[in-house]
């Protein structure tokens, strides 16, 4: 398992964070695999961002940027441009399995 630190455009960040967007399409230049983790940091206009207590998004560095940790559950290159993959993702550390 690898942890991949990636930028995620501010436009998509909240959709991923709140589970509306449960996939990522990326160039597979990192040899992504099911079971890997994606550390996705909020990024806009060439700069990292963090949300303040008042809901504003201010410029920061990667260490203080809003970051979410997602698990790669599924990966495919079906019907993608050469070298790209689609990854099914879910929040890391949540257990959706029901025990019997």
C-alpha atoms as a PDB file:
ATOM      1  CA  UNK A   1       0.000   0.000   0.000  1.00  0.00           C
ATOM      2  CA  UNK A   2       1.265   3.448  -0.946  1.00  0.00           C
ATOM      3  CA  UNK A   3       0.106   6.888   0.138  1.00  0.00           C
ATOM      4  CA  UNK A   4      -0.125   9.291  -2.796  1.00  0.00           C
ATOM      5  CA  UNK A   5      -0.126  13.013  -1.951  1.00  0.00           C
ATOM      6  CA  UNK A   6      -2.176  14.742  -4.640  1.00  0.00           C
ATOM      7  CA  UNK A   7      -3.676  18.143  -5.325  1.00  0.00           C
ATOM      8  CA  UNK A   8      -7.461  18.277  -5.666  1.00  0.00           C
ATOM      9  CA  UNK A   9      -9.063  21.312  -7.260  1.00  0.00           C
ATOM     10  CA  UNK A  10     -11.199  23.350  -4.865  1.00  0.00           C
ATOM     11  CA  UNK A  11     -14.161  22.846  -7.234  1.00  0.00           C
ATOM     12  CA  UNK A  12     -14.202  19.083  -6.472  1.00  0.00           C
ATOM     13  CA  UNK A  13     -12.863  19.020  -2.908  1.00  0.00           C
ATOM     14  CA  UNK A  14     -16.151  19.272  -0.990  1.00  0.00           C
ATOM     15  CA  UNK A  15     -17.879  16.810  -3.347  1.00  0.00           C
ATOM     16  CA  UNK A  16     -15.221  14.210  -2.530  1.00  0.00           C
ATOM     17  CA  UNK A  17     -15.188  15.117   1.162  1.00  0.00           C
ATOM     18  CA  UNK A  18     -18.956  14.703   1.546  1.00  0.00           C
ATOM     19  CA  UNK A  19     -19.261  11.595  -0.644  1.00  0.00           C
ATOM     20  CA  UNK A  20     -20.990  13.086  -3.689  1.00  0.00           C
ATOM     21  CA  UNK A  21     -18.001  12.284  -5.915  1.00  0.00           C
ATOM     22  CA  UNK A  22     -16.676   8.783  -5.199  1.00  0.00           C
ATOM     23  CA  UNK A  23     -14.149   8.454  -8.003  1.00  0.00           C
ATOM     24  CA  UNK A  24     -10.967  10.046  -9.280  1.00  0.00           C
ATOM     25  CA  UNK A  25      -9.655  10.015 -12.849  1.00  0.00           C
ATOM     26  CA  UNK A  26      -5.896  10.431 -12.902  1.00  0.00           C
ATOM     27  CA  UNK A  27      -2.900   9.883 -15.108  1.00  0.00           C
ATOM     28  CA  UNK A  28      -1.411   6.616 -13.867  1.00  0.00           C
ATOM     29  CA  UNK A  29       2.108   7.957 -13.494  1.00  0.00           C
ATOM     30  CA  UNK A  30       2.279   6.665  -9.900  1.00  0.00           C
ATOM     31  CA  UNK A  31       1.263   3.022 -10.486  1.00  0.00           C
ATOM     32  CA  UNK A  32      -1.973   3.398  -8.499  1.00  0.00           C
ATOM     33  CA  UNK A  33      -3.293   0.139  -7.047  1.00  0.00           C
ATOM     34  CA  UNK A  34      -6.431  -0.927  -5.181  1.00  0.00           C
ATOM     35  CA  UNK A  35      -5.628  -0.608  -1.477  1.00  0.00           C
ATOM     36  CA  UNK A  36      -3.522   2.540  -1.900  1.00  0.00           C
ATOM     37  CA  UNK A  37      -4.412   5.756  -0.084  1.00  0.00           C
ATOM     38  CA  UNK A  38      -4.903   9.183  -1.647  1.00  0.00           C
ATOM     39  CA  UNK A  39      -4.088  12.229   0.504  1.00  0.00           C
ATOM     40  CA  UNK A  40      -6.053  14.870  -1.425  1.00  0.00           C
ATOM     41  CA  UNK A  41      -5.233  18.511  -0.604  1.00  0.00           C
ATOM     42  CA  UNK A  42      -7.452  21.460  -1.530  1.00  0.00           C
ATOM     43  CA  UNK A  43      -5.808  23.425  -4.368  1.00  0.00           C
ATOM     44  CA  UNK A  44      -6.895  26.411  -6.472  1.00  0.00           C
ATOM     45  CA  UNK A  45      -5.161  28.760  -8.897  1.00  0.00           C
ATOM     46  CA  UNK A  46      -1.750  27.256  -8.204  1.00  0.00           C
ATOM     47  CA  UNK A  47      -1.985  27.503  -4.410  1.00  0.00           C
ATOM     48  CA  UNK A  48      -3.008  25.288  -1.509  1.00  0.00           C
ATOM     49  CA  UNK A  49      -6.089  26.369   0.439  1.00  0.00           C
ATOM     50  CA  UNK A  50      -7.593  25.890   3.881  1.00  0.00           C
ATOM     51  CA  UNK A  51     -11.064  26.752   5.123  1.00  0.00           C
ATOM     52  CA  UNK A  52     -11.157  29.086   8.120  1.00  0.00           C
ATOM     53  CA  UNK A  53     -13.682  28.924  10.946  1.00  0.00           C
ATOM     54  CA  UNK A  54     -15.699  31.583   9.108  1.00  0.00           C
ATOM     55  CA  UNK A  55     -15.867  29.401   5.995  1.00  0.00           C
ATOM     56  CA  UNK A  56     -13.416  31.480   3.982  1.00  0.00           C
ATOM     57  CA  UNK A  57     -10.737  29.727   1.950  1.00  0.00           C
ATOM     58  CA  UNK A  58      -7.323  31.217   2.480  1.00  0.00           C
ATOM     59  CA  UNK A  59      -3.964  30.538   0.878  1.00  0.00           C
ATOM     60  CA  UNK A  60      -1.645  28.276   2.853  1.00  0.00           C
ATOM     61  CA  UNK A  61       1.068  25.679   2.304  1.00  0.00           C
ATOM     62  CA  UNK A  62       0.671  21.938   1.824  1.00  0.00           C
ATOM     63  CA  UNK A  63       1.133  21.250   5.545  1.00  0.00           C
ATOM     64  CA  UNK A  64      -1.897  23.332   6.551  1.00  0.00           C
ATOM     65  CA  UNK A  65      -4.085  22.787   3.482  1.00  0.00           C
ATOM     66  CA  UNK A  66      -7.425  21.036   3.887  1.00  0.00           C
ATOM     67  CA  UNK A  67      -6.599  17.382   3.225  1.00  0.00           C
ATOM     68  CA  UNK A  68      -8.771  14.268   3.084  1.00  0.00           C
ATOM     69  CA  UNK A  69      -7.549  10.697   3.125  1.00  0.00           C
ATOM     70  CA  UNK A  70      -9.292   8.357   0.709  1.00  0.00           C
ATOM     71  CA  UNK A  71      -8.861   4.647   0.075  1.00  0.00           C
ATOM     72  CA  UNK A  72      -8.653   3.294  -3.488  1.00  0.00           C
ATOM     73  CA  UNK A  73     -11.274   0.532  -3.548  1.00  0.00           C
ATOM     74  CA  UNK A  74     -11.347  -0.201  -7.285  1.00  0.00           C
ATOM     75  CA  UNK A  75      -9.296   0.757 -10.325  1.00  0.00           C
ATOM     76  CA  UNK A  76      -9.806   0.414 -14.077  1.00  0.00           C
ATOM     77  CA  UNK A  77      -8.499   1.887 -17.308  1.00  0.00           C
ATOM     78  CA  UNK A  78     -11.576   0.869 -19.319  1.00  0.00           C
ATOM     79  CA  UNK A  79     -12.421   3.445 -22.025  1.00  0.00           C
ATOM     80  CA  UNK A  80      -9.863   5.927 -20.676  1.00  0.00           C
ATOM     81  CA  UNK A  81      -7.266   7.947 -22.538  1.00  0.00           C
ATOM     82  CA  UNK A  82      -3.945   6.150 -22.816  1.00  0.00           C
ATOM     83  CA  UNK A  83      -2.217   6.076 -19.432  1.00  0.00           C
ATOM     84  CA  UNK A  84      -5.250   7.183 -17.370  1.00  0.00           C
ATOM     85  CA  UNK A  85      -7.263   5.273 -14.773  1.00  0.00           C
ATOM     86  CA  UNK A  86     -10.545   5.638 -12.926  1.00  0.00           C
ATOM     87  CA  UNK A  87     -10.374   4.901  -9.208  1.00  0.00           C
ATOM     88  CA  UNK A  88     -13.367   4.139  -7.014  1.00  0.00           C
ATOM     89  CA  UNK A  89     -12.626   5.831  -3.671  1.00  0.00           C
ATOM     90  CA  UNK A  90     -14.055   5.961  -0.162  1.00  0.00           C
ATOM     91  CA  UNK A  91     -13.065   7.747   3.054  1.00  0.00           C
ATOM     92  CA  UNK A  92     -10.220   5.951   4.797  1.00  0.00           C
ATOM     93  CA  UNK A  93     -10.942   4.628   8.250  1.00  0.00           C
ATOM     94  CA  UNK A  94     -14.693   4.126   7.862  1.00  0.00           C
ATOM     95  CA  UNK A  95     -16.108   0.653   8.218  1.00  0.00           C
ATOM     96  CA  UNK A  96     -19.216   0.237   6.069  1.00  0.00           C
ATOM     97  CA  UNK A  97     -19.288  -3.520   6.514  1.00  0.00           C
ATOM     98  CA  UNK A  98     -22.085  -4.989   8.574  1.00  0.00           C
ATOM     99  CA  UNK A  99     -21.020  -7.720  10.949  1.00  0.00           C
ATOM    100  CA  UNK A 100     -23.233 -10.771  11.203  1.00  0.00           C
END
